[in-house]
């Protein structure tokens, strides 16, 4: 599965979340998806990942839930644990930094 396909699944989960979906009202989802795809590619390549979620005003707990959705998608795809851990660090690190 390609990064754009992963991001599509990831965004579907976030959009379906009743608490998170209001933050996406008025957001250009195609542009967000492109940014998330680039960030995911960077994280999988062991490069710093830009945080596309930061500008949406999510709390730290909400951001963690967004990252958990991504990790769930990657886990369901049977991505190796070390790559999943790399992605989690890259995306969660944006909040912790």
PDB file of N, CA and C in Angstrom:
ATOM      1  N   UNK A   1       0.851  -1.185   0.000  1.00  0.00           N
ATOM      2  CA  UNK A   1       0.000   0.000   0.000  1.00  0.00           C
ATOM      3  C   UNK A   1       0.891   1.241   0.000  1.00  0.00           C
ATOM      4  N   UNK A   2       0.503   2.225  -0.752  1.00  0.00           N
ATOM      5  CA  UNK A   2       1.292   3.446  -0.876  1.00  0.00           C
ATOM      6  C   UNK A   2       0.957   4.429   0.253  1.00  0.00           C
ATOM      7  N   UNK A   3       1.831   5.397   0.445  1.00  0.00           N
ATOM      8  CA  UNK A   3       1.591   6.420   1.472  1.00  0.00           C
ATOM      9  C   UNK A   3       0.281   7.163   1.235  1.00  0.00           C
ATOM     10  N   UNK A   4      -0.066   7.551  -0.016  1.00  0.00           N
ATOM     11  CA  UNK A   4      -1.359   8.219  -0.212  1.00  0.00           C
ATOM     12  C   UNK A   4      -2.550   7.345   0.193  1.00  0.00           C
ATOM     13  N   UNK A   5      -2.455   6.044  -0.032  1.00  0.00           N
ATOM     14  CA  UNK A   5      -3.537   5.140   0.372  1.00  0.00           C
ATOM     15  C   UNK A   5      -3.632   5.032   1.892  1.00  0.00           C
ATOM     16  N   UNK A   6      -2.479   5.005   2.547  1.00  0.00           N
ATOM     17  CA  UNK A   6      -2.459   4.983   4.016  1.00  0.00           C
ATOM     18  C   UNK A   6      -3.107   6.257   4.550  1.00  0.00           C
ATOM     19  N   UNK A   7      -2.737   7.390   3.987  1.00  0.00           N
ATOM     20  CA  UNK A   7      -3.275   8.672   4.439  1.00  0.00           C
ATOM     21  C   UNK A   7      -4.778   8.738   4.196  1.00  0.00           C
ATOM     22  N   UNK A   8      -5.252   8.210   3.092  1.00  0.00           N
ATOM     23  CA  UNK A   8      -6.695   8.191   2.818  1.00  0.00           C
ATOM     24  C   UNK A   8      -7.430   7.419   3.908  1.00  0.00           C
ATOM     25  N   UNK A   9      -6.914   6.255   4.268  1.00  0.00           N
ATOM     26  CA  UNK A   9      -7.535   5.466   5.350  1.00  0.00           C
ATOM     27  C   UNK A   9      -7.470   6.218   6.676  1.00  0.00           C
ATOM     28  N   UNK A  10      -6.320   6.825   6.936  1.00  0.00           N
ATOM     29  CA  UNK A  10      -6.099   7.570   8.175  1.00  0.00           C
ATOM     30  C   UNK A  10      -7.090   8.726   8.281  1.00  0.00           C
ATOM     31  N   UNK A  11      -7.219   9.495   7.218  1.00  0.00           N
ATOM     32  CA  UNK A  11      -8.136  10.636   7.241  1.00  0.00           C
ATOM     33  C   UNK A  11      -9.590  10.192   7.408  1.00  0.00           C
ATOM     34  N   UNK A  12      -9.950   9.078   6.812  1.00  0.00           N
ATOM     35  CA  UNK A  12     -11.318   8.560   6.994  1.00  0.00           C
ATOM     36  C   UNK A  12     -11.621   8.318   8.463  1.00  0.00           C
ATOM     37  N   UNK A  13     -10.660   7.773   9.179  1.00  0.00           N
ATOM     38  CA  UNK A  13     -10.849   7.508  10.605  1.00  0.00           C
ATOM     39  C   UNK A  13     -10.989   8.811  11.392  1.00  0.00           C
ATOM     40  N   UNK A  14     -10.152   9.782  11.076  1.00  0.00           N
ATOM     41  CA  UNK A  14     -10.203  11.062  11.779  1.00  0.00           C
ATOM     42  C   UNK A  14     -11.515  11.779  11.479  1.00  0.00           C
ATOM     43  N   UNK A  15     -11.928  11.785  10.219  1.00  0.00           N
ATOM     44  CA  UNK A  15     -13.174  12.443   9.828  1.00  0.00           C
ATOM     45  C   UNK A  15     -14.379  11.772  10.500  1.00  0.00           C
ATOM     46  N   UNK A  16     -14.298  10.474  10.722  1.00  0.00           N
ATOM     47  CA  UNK A  16     -15.403   9.740  11.353  1.00  0.00           C
ATOM     48  C   UNK A  16     -15.444   9.928  12.868  1.00  0.00           C
ATOM     49  N   UNK A  17     -14.409  10.487  13.453  1.00  0.00           N
ATOM     50  CA  UNK A  17     -14.344  10.704  14.899  1.00  0.00           C
ATOM     51  C   UNK A  17     -15.142  11.966  15.238  1.00  0.00           C
ATOM     52  N   UNK A  18     -16.188  11.801  16.016  1.00  0.00           N
ATOM     53  CA  UNK A  18     -17.102  12.908  16.330  1.00  0.00           C
ATOM     54  C   UNK A  18     -16.413  14.073  17.033  1.00  0.00           C
ATOM     55  N   UNK A  19     -15.394  13.803  17.813  1.00  0.00           N
ATOM     56  CA  UNK A  19     -14.697  14.885  18.512  1.00  0.00           C
ATOM     57  C   UNK A  19     -13.689  15.600  17.610  1.00  0.00           C
ATOM     58  N   UNK A  20     -13.084  14.865  16.682  1.00  0.00           N
ATOM     59  CA  UNK A  20     -12.043  15.443  15.832  1.00  0.00           C
ATOM     60  C   UNK A  20     -12.577  16.070  14.556  1.00  0.00           C
ATOM     61  N   UNK A  21     -13.669  15.540  14.029  1.00  0.00           N
ATOM     62  CA  UNK A  21     -14.164  16.017  12.730  1.00  0.00           C
ATOM     63  C   UNK A  21     -14.497  17.510  12.699  1.00  0.00           C
ATOM     64  N   UNK A  22     -14.992  18.119  13.783  1.00  0.00           N
ATOM     65  CA  UNK A  22     -15.256  19.565  13.711  1.00  0.00           C
ATOM     66  C   UNK A  22     -14.008  20.399  13.414  1.00  0.00           C
ATOM     67  N   UNK A  23     -12.833  19.895  13.766  1.00  0.00           N
ATOM     68  CA  UNK A  23     -11.598  20.627  13.499  1.00  0.00           C
ATOM     69  C   UNK A  23     -11.270  20.652  12.005  1.00  0.00           C
ATOM     70  N   UNK A  24     -11.933  19.798  11.250  1.00  0.00           N
ATOM     71  CA  UNK A  24     -11.662  19.710   9.815  1.00  0.00           C
ATOM     72  C   UNK A  24     -12.649  20.494   8.972  1.00  0.00           C
ATOM     73  N   UNK A  25     -13.620  21.116   9.610  1.00  0.00           N
ATOM     74  CA  UNK A  25     -14.584  21.926   8.863  1.00  0.00           C
ATOM     75  C   UNK A  25     -13.848  23.084   8.205  1.00  0.00           C
ATOM     76  N   UNK A  26     -14.022  23.213   6.913  1.00  0.00           N
ATOM     77  CA  UNK A  26     -13.376  24.278   6.164  1.00  0.00           C
ATOM     78  C   UNK A  26     -11.941  23.996   5.764  1.00  0.00           C
ATOM     79  N   UNK A  27     -11.413  22.844   6.162  1.00  0.00           N
ATOM     80  CA  UNK A  27     -10.038  22.480   5.819  1.00  0.00           C
ATOM     81  C   UNK A  27     -10.034  21.825   4.441  1.00  0.00           C
ATOM     82  N   UNK A  28      -9.099  22.211   3.608  1.00  0.00           N
ATOM     83  CA  UNK A  28      -8.917  21.585   2.305  1.00  0.00           C
ATOM     84  C   UNK A  28      -8.304  20.204   2.540  1.00  0.00           C
ATOM     85  N   UNK A  29      -9.141  19.178   2.507  1.00  0.00           N
ATOM     86  CA  UNK A  29      -8.676  17.832   2.834  1.00  0.00           C
ATOM     87  C   UNK A  29      -7.680  17.295   1.813  1.00  0.00           C
ATOM     88  N   UNK A  30      -7.794  17.706   0.558  1.00  0.00           N
ATOM     89  CA  UNK A  30      -6.813  17.268  -0.436  1.00  0.00           C
ATOM     90  C   UNK A  30      -5.434  17.838  -0.111  1.00  0.00           C
ATOM     91  N   UNK A  31      -5.413  19.084   0.277  1.00  0.00           N
ATOM     92  CA  UNK A  31      -4.137  19.717   0.642  1.00  0.00           C
ATOM     93  C   UNK A  31      -3.574  19.092   1.921  1.00  0.00           C
ATOM     94  N   UNK A  32      -4.444  18.862   2.904  1.00  0.00           N
ATOM     95  CA  UNK A  32      -4.013  18.209   4.139  1.00  0.00           C
ATOM     96  C   UNK A  32      -3.469  16.819   3.835  1.00  0.00           C
ATOM     97  N   UNK A  33      -4.166  16.070   2.975  1.00  0.00           N
ATOM     98  CA  UNK A  33      -3.719  14.723   2.616  1.00  0.00           C
ATOM     99  C   UNK A  33      -2.352  14.759   1.937  1.00  0.00           C
ATOM    100  N   UNK A  34      -2.130  15.721   1.071  1.00  0.00           N
ATOM    101  CA  UNK A  34      -0.830  15.843   0.402  1.00  0.00           C
ATOM    102  C   UNK A  34       0.276  16.123   1.420  1.00  0.00           C
ATOM    103  N   UNK A  35      -0.023  16.992   2.381  1.00  0.00           N
ATOM    104  CA  UNK A  35       0.955  17.314   3.416  1.00  0.00           C
ATOM    105  C   UNK A  35       1.225  16.096   4.305  1.00  0.00           C
ATOM    106  N   UNK A  36       0.159  15.383   4.665  1.00  0.00           N
ATOM    107  CA  UNK A  36       0.322  14.188   5.500  1.00  0.00           C
ATOM    108  C   UNK A  36       1.100  13.102   4.769  1.00  0.00           C
ATOM    109  N   UNK A  37       0.854  12.978   3.473  1.00  0.00           N
ATOM    110  CA  UNK A  37       1.587  11.986   2.676  1.00  0.00           C
ATOM    111  C   UNK A  37       3.070  12.300   2.668  1.00  0.00           C
ATOM    112  N   UNK A  38       3.415  13.563   2.463  1.00  0.00           N
ATOM    113  CA  UNK A  38       4.825  13.966   2.482  1.00  0.00           C
ATOM    114  C   UNK A  38       5.433  13.729   3.854  1.00  0.00           C
ATOM    115  N   UNK A  39       4.677  14.013   4.902  1.00  0.00           N
ATOM    116  CA  UNK A  39       5.165  13.797   6.269  1.00  0.00           C
ATOM    117  C   UNK A  39       5.361  12.315   6.554  1.00  0.00           C
ATOM    118  N   UNK A  40       4.429  11.487   6.094  1.00  0.00           N
ATOM    119  CA  UNK A  40       4.547  10.044   6.306  1.00  0.00           C
ATOM    120  C   UNK A  40       5.747   9.488   5.539  1.00  0.00           C
ATOM    121  N   UNK A  41       5.912   9.913   4.300  1.00  0.00           N
ATOM    122  CA  UNK A  41       7.085   9.479   3.526  1.00  0.00           C
ATOM    123  C   UNK A  41       8.377   9.870   4.241  1.00  0.00           C
ATOM    124  N   UNK A  42       8.417  11.084   4.778  1.00  0.00           N
ATOM    125  CA  UNK A  42       9.605  11.538   5.500  1.00  0.00           C
ATOM    126  C   UNK A  42       9.851  10.675   6.734  1.00  0.00           C
ATOM    127  N   UNK A  43       8.798  10.413   7.489  1.00  0.00           N
ATOM    128  CA  UNK A  43       8.934   9.609   8.715  1.00  0.00           C
ATOM    129  C   UNK A  43       9.410   8.194   8.396  1.00  0.00           C
ATOM    130  N   UNK A  44       8.873   7.617   7.340  1.00  0.00           N
ATOM    131  CA  UNK A  44       9.294   6.270   6.959  1.00  0.00           C
ATOM    132  C   UNK A  44      10.730   6.263   6.446  1.00  0.00           C
ATOM    133  N   UNK A  45      11.177   7.395   5.959  1.00  0.00           N
ATOM    134  CA  UNK A  45      12.557   7.528   5.501  1.00  0.00           C
ATOM    135  C   UNK A  45      13.500   7.996   6.585  1.00  0.00           C
ATOM    136  N   UNK A  46      13.002   8.044   7.818  1.00  0.00           N
ATOM    137  CA  UNK A  46      13.792   8.450   8.984  1.00  0.00           C
ATOM    138  C   UNK A  46      14.212   9.915   8.921  1.00  0.00           C
ATOM    139  N   UNK A  47      13.351  10.744   8.332  1.00  0.00           N
ATOM    140  CA  UNK A  47      13.577  12.183   8.275  1.00  0.00           C
ATOM    141  C   UNK A  47      12.555  12.865   9.181  1.00  0.00           C
ATOM    142  N   UNK A  48      12.802  14.113   9.551  1.00  0.00           N
ATOM    143  CA  UNK A  48      11.806  14.830  10.364  1.00  0.00           C
ATOM    144  C   UNK A  48      10.477  14.966   9.620  1.00  0.00           C
ATOM    145  N   UNK A  49       9.386  14.769  10.335  1.00  0.00           N
ATOM    146  CA  UNK A  49       8.050  14.883   9.741  1.00  0.00           C
ATOM    147  C   UNK A  49       7.420  16.197  10.192  1.00  0.00           C
ATOM    148  N   UNK A  50       6.941  16.979   9.247  1.00  0.00           N
ATOM    149  CA  UNK A  50       6.246  18.226   9.576  1.00  0.00           C
ATOM    150  C   UNK A  50       4.872  17.895  10.143  1.00  0.00           C
ATOM    151  N   UNK A  51       4.412  18.676  11.081  1.00  0.00           N
ATOM    152  CA  UNK A  51       3.143  18.407  11.747  1.00  0.00           C
ATOM    153  C   UNK A  51       2.012  19.192  11.102  1.00  0.00           C
ATOM    154  N   UNK A  52       1.253  18.514  10.261  1.00  0.00           N
ATOM    155  CA  UNK A  52       0.134  19.151   9.564  1.00  0.00           C
ATOM    156  C   UNK A  52      -1.042  19.418  10.491  1.00  0.00           C
ATOM    157  N   UNK A  53      -1.050  18.808  11.639  1.00  0.00           N
ATOM    158  CA  UNK A  53      -2.186  18.934  12.558  1.00  0.00           C
ATOM    159  C   UNK A  53      -2.055  20.133  13.482  1.00  0.00           C
ATOM    160  N   UNK A  54      -0.857  20.632  13.664  1.00  0.00           N
ATOM    161  CA  UNK A  54      -0.597  21.689  14.652  1.00  0.00           C
ATOM    162  C   UNK A  54      -1.489  22.920  14.458  1.00  0.00           C
ATOM    163  N   UNK A  55      -1.707  23.326  13.253  1.00  0.00           N
ATOM    164  CA  UNK A  55      -2.477  24.531  12.980  1.00  0.00           C
ATOM    165  C   UNK A  55      -3.973  24.396  13.182  1.00  0.00           C
ATOM    166  N   UNK A  56      -4.432  23.188  13.505  1.00  0.00           N
ATOM    167  CA  UNK A  56      -5.874  22.968  13.659  1.00  0.00           C
ATOM    168  C   UNK A  56      -6.371  23.216  15.082  1.00  0.00           C
ATOM    169  N   UNK A  57      -5.482  23.461  16.002  1.00  0.00           N
ATOM    170  CA  UNK A  57      -5.890  23.760  17.373  1.00  0.00           C
ATOM    171  C   UNK A  57      -6.253  22.550  18.218  1.00  0.00           C
ATOM    172  N   UNK A  58      -5.745  21.388  17.861  1.00  0.00           N
ATOM    173  CA  UNK A  58      -6.019  20.178  18.637  1.00  0.00           C
ATOM    174  C   UNK A  58      -5.299  20.226  19.980  1.00  0.00           C
ATOM    175  N   UNK A  59      -5.919  19.640  20.979  1.00  0.00           N
ATOM    176  CA  UNK A  59      -5.231  19.473  22.263  1.00  0.00           C
ATOM    177  C   UNK A  59      -4.180  18.377  22.096  1.00  0.00           C
ATOM    178  N   UNK A  60      -3.306  18.262  23.062  1.00  0.00           N
ATOM    179  CA  UNK A  60      -2.290  17.221  23.013  1.00  0.00           C
ATOM    180  C   UNK A  60      -2.933  15.832  22.986  1.00  0.00           C
ATOM    181  N   UNK A  61      -3.988  15.637  23.765  1.00  0.00           N
ATOM    182  CA  UNK A  61      -4.688  14.338  23.788  1.00  0.00           C
ATOM    183  C   UNK A  61      -5.347  14.046  22.438  1.00  0.00           C
ATOM    184  N   UNK A  62      -5.926  15.060  21.829  1.00  0.00           N
ATOM    185  CA  UNK A  62      -6.543  14.863  20.511  1.00  0.00           C
ATOM    186  C   UNK A  62      -5.482  14.546  19.465  1.00  0.00           C
ATOM    187  N   UNK A  63      -4.362  15.218  19.546  1.00  0.00           N
ATOM    188  CA  UNK A  63      -3.266  14.942  18.611  1.00  0.00           C
ATOM    189  C   UNK A  63      -2.794  13.499  18.777  1.00  0.00           C
ATOM    190  N   UNK A  64      -2.669  13.057  20.019  1.00  0.00           N
ATOM    191  CA  UNK A  64      -2.269  11.667  20.265  1.00  0.00           C
ATOM    192  C   UNK A  64      -3.254  10.696  19.627  1.00  0.00           C
ATOM    193  N   UNK A  65      -4.552  11.020  19.704  1.00  0.00           N
ATOM    194  CA  UNK A  65      -5.563  10.143  19.117  1.00  0.00           C
ATOM    195  C   UNK A  65      -5.424  10.104  17.593  1.00  0.00           C
ATOM    196  N   UNK A  66      -5.135  11.248  16.979  1.00  0.00           N
ATOM    197  CA  UNK A  66      -4.896  11.293  15.539  1.00  0.00           C
ATOM    198  C   UNK A  66      -3.718  10.382  15.184  1.00  0.00           C
ATOM    199  N   UNK A  67      -2.636  10.467  15.944  1.00  0.00           N
ATOM    200  CA  UNK A  67      -1.463   9.623  15.700  1.00  0.00           C
ATOM    201  C   UNK A  67      -1.814   8.159  15.931  1.00  0.00           C
ATOM    202  N   UNK A  68      -2.614   7.874  16.950  1.00  0.00           N
ATOM    203  CA  UNK A  68      -3.027   6.491  17.202  1.00  0.00           C
ATOM    204  C   UNK A  68      -3.810   5.913  16.032  1.00  0.00           C
ATOM    205  N   UNK A  69      -4.629   6.739  15.385  1.00  0.00           N
ATOM    206  CA  UNK A  69      -5.336   6.268  14.192  1.00  0.00           C
ATOM    207  C   UNK A  69      -4.337   5.860  13.110  1.00  0.00           C
ATOM    208  N   UNK A  70      -3.317   6.678  12.900  1.00  0.00           N
ATOM    209  CA  UNK A  70      -2.300   6.339  11.903  1.00  0.00           C
ATOM    210  C   UNK A  70      -1.608   5.036  12.265  1.00  0.00           C
ATOM    211  N   UNK A  71      -1.233   4.895  13.519  1.00  0.00           N
ATOM    212  CA  UNK A  71      -0.538   3.687  13.954  1.00  0.00           C
ATOM    213  C   UNK A  71      -1.433   2.466  13.751  1.00  0.00           C
ATOM    214  N   UNK A  72      -2.722   2.609  14.011  1.00  0.00           N
ATOM    215  CA  UNK A  72      -3.661   1.511  13.779  1.00  0.00           C
ATOM    216  C   UNK A  72      -3.708   1.101  12.322  1.00  0.00           C
ATOM    217  N   UNK A  73      -3.701   2.084  11.418  1.00  0.00           N
ATOM    218  CA  UNK A  73      -3.695   1.778   9.979  1.00  0.00           C
ATOM    219  C   UNK A  73      -2.417   1.032   9.619  1.00  0.00           C
ATOM    220  N   UNK A  74      -1.291   1.509  10.106  1.00  0.00           N
ATOM    221  CA  UNK A  74      -0.010   0.862   9.794  1.00  0.00           C
ATOM    222  C   UNK A  74       0.064  -0.540  10.386  1.00  0.00           C
ATOM    223  N   UNK A  75      -0.449  -0.695  11.574  1.00  0.00           N
ATOM    224  CA  UNK A  75      -0.455  -2.007  12.227  1.00  0.00           C
ATOM    225  C   UNK A  75      -1.328  -2.979  11.447  1.00  0.00           C
ATOM    226  N   UNK A  76      -2.506  -2.522  11.002  1.00  0.00           N
ATOM    227  CA  UNK A  76      -3.410  -3.373  10.229  1.00  0.00           C
ATOM    228  C   UNK A  76      -2.778  -3.797   8.901  1.00  0.00           C
ATOM    229  N   UNK A  77      -1.871  -2.981   8.386  1.00  0.00           N
ATOM    230  CA  UNK A  77      -1.168  -3.323   7.148  1.00  0.00           C
ATOM    231  C   UNK A  77       0.021  -4.237   7.403  1.00  0.00           C
ATOM    232  N   UNK A  78       0.248  -4.569   8.666  1.00  0.00           N
ATOM    233  CA  UNK A  78       1.327  -5.473   9.058  1.00  0.00           C
ATOM    234  C   UNK A  78       2.707  -4.887   8.777  1.00  0.00           C
ATOM    235  N   UNK A  79       2.818  -3.560   8.933  1.00  0.00           N
ATOM    236  CA  UNK A  79       4.112  -2.909   8.796  1.00  0.00           C
ATOM    237  C   UNK A  79       5.009  -3.393   9.936  1.00  0.00           C
ATOM    238  N   UNK A  80       6.287  -3.597   9.697  1.00  0.00           N
ATOM    239  CA  UNK A  80       7.184  -4.050  10.766  1.00  0.00           C
ATOM    240  C   UNK A  80       7.163  -3.088  11.962  1.00  0.00           C
ATOM    241  N   UNK A  81       7.285  -3.663  13.135  1.00  0.00           N
ATOM    242  CA  UNK A  81       7.213  -2.888  14.382  1.00  0.00           C
ATOM    243  C   UNK A  81       8.209  -1.735  14.427  1.00  0.00           C
ATOM    244  N   UNK A  82       9.410  -1.946  13.909  1.00  0.00           N
ATOM    245  CA  UNK A  82      10.408  -0.876  13.963  1.00  0.00           C
ATOM    246  C   UNK A  82      10.006   0.315  13.094  1.00  0.00           C
ATOM    247  N   UNK A  83       9.358   0.060  11.970  1.00  0.00           N
ATOM    248  CA  UNK A  83       8.904   1.160  11.115  1.00  0.00           C
ATOM    249  C   UNK A  83       7.722   1.883  11.751  1.00  0.00           C
ATOM    250  N   UNK A  84       6.833   1.127  12.394  1.00  0.00           N
ATOM    251  CA  UNK A  84       5.707   1.753  13.098  1.00  0.00           C
ATOM    252  C   UNK A  84       6.229   2.629  14.227  1.00  0.00           C
ATOM    253  N   UNK A  85       7.214   2.131  14.958  1.00  0.00           N
ATOM    254  CA  UNK A  85       7.800   2.914  16.056  1.00  0.00           C
ATOM    255  C   UNK A  85       8.446   4.188  15.521  1.00  0.00           C
ATOM    256  N   UNK A  86       9.100   4.108  14.371  1.00  0.00           N
ATOM    257  CA  UNK A  86       9.727   5.274  13.749  1.00  0.00           C
ATOM    258  C   UNK A  86       8.677   6.328  13.404  1.00  0.00           C
ATOM    259  N   UNK A  87       7.556   5.875  12.835  1.00  0.00           N
ATOM    260  CA  UNK A  87       6.475   6.800  12.477  1.00  0.00           C
ATOM    261  C   UNK A  87       5.877   7.421  13.728  1.00  0.00           C
ATOM    262  N   UNK A  88       5.627   6.602  14.752  1.00  0.00           N
ATOM    263  CA  UNK A  88       5.054   7.127  16.004  1.00  0.00           C
ATOM    264  C   UNK A  88       5.966   8.199  16.590  1.00  0.00           C
ATOM    265  N   UNK A  89       7.261   7.933  16.641  1.00  0.00           N
ATOM    266  CA  UNK A  89       8.198   8.933  17.181  1.00  0.00           C
ATOM    267  C   UNK A  89       8.167  10.213  16.360  1.00  0.00           C
ATOM    268  N   UNK A  90       8.130  10.071  15.052  1.00  0.00           N
ATOM    269  CA  UNK A  90       8.165  11.243  14.181  1.00  0.00           C
ATOM    270  C   UNK A  90       6.923  12.110  14.373  1.00  0.00           C
ATOM    271  N   UNK A  91       5.750  11.490  14.434  1.00  0.00           N
ATOM    272  CA  UNK A  91       4.513  12.269  14.547  1.00  0.00           C
ATOM    273  C   UNK A  91       4.229  12.690  15.983  1.00  0.00           C
ATOM    274  N   UNK A  92       4.456  11.821  16.946  1.00  0.00           N
ATOM    275  CA  UNK A  92       4.214  12.175  18.336  1.00  0.00           C
ATOM    276  C   UNK A  92       5.268  13.161  18.819  1.00  0.00           C
ATOM    277  N   UNK A  93       6.465  13.094  18.263  1.00  0.00           N
ATOM    278  CA  UNK A  93       7.535  13.997  18.655  1.00  0.00           C
ATOM    279  C   UNK A  93       7.231  15.442  18.375  1.00  0.00           C
ATOM    280  N   UNK A  94       6.364  15.701  17.396  1.00  0.00           N
ATOM    281  CA  UNK A  94       5.993  17.071  17.086  1.00  0.00           C
ATOM    282  C   UNK A  94       5.251  17.722  18.239  1.00  0.00           C
ATOM    283  N   UNK A  95       4.478  16.918  18.962  1.00  0.00           N
ATOM    284  CA  UNK A  95       3.735  17.452  20.102  1.00  0.00           C
ATOM    285  C   UNK A  95       4.636  17.561  21.306  1.00  0.00           C
ATOM    286  N   UNK A  96       5.520  16.582  21.500  1.00  0.00           N
ATOM    287  CA  UNK A  96       6.348  16.542  22.690  1.00  0.00           C
ATOM    288  C   UNK A  96       7.495  17.545  22.641  1.00  0.00           C
ATOM    289  N   UNK A  97       7.859  17.974  21.449  1.00  0.00           N
ATOM    290  CA  UNK A  97       9.015  18.873  21.309  1.00  0.00           C
ATOM    291  C   UNK A  97       8.728  20.242  21.862  1.00  0.00           C
TER     292      UNK A  97
END
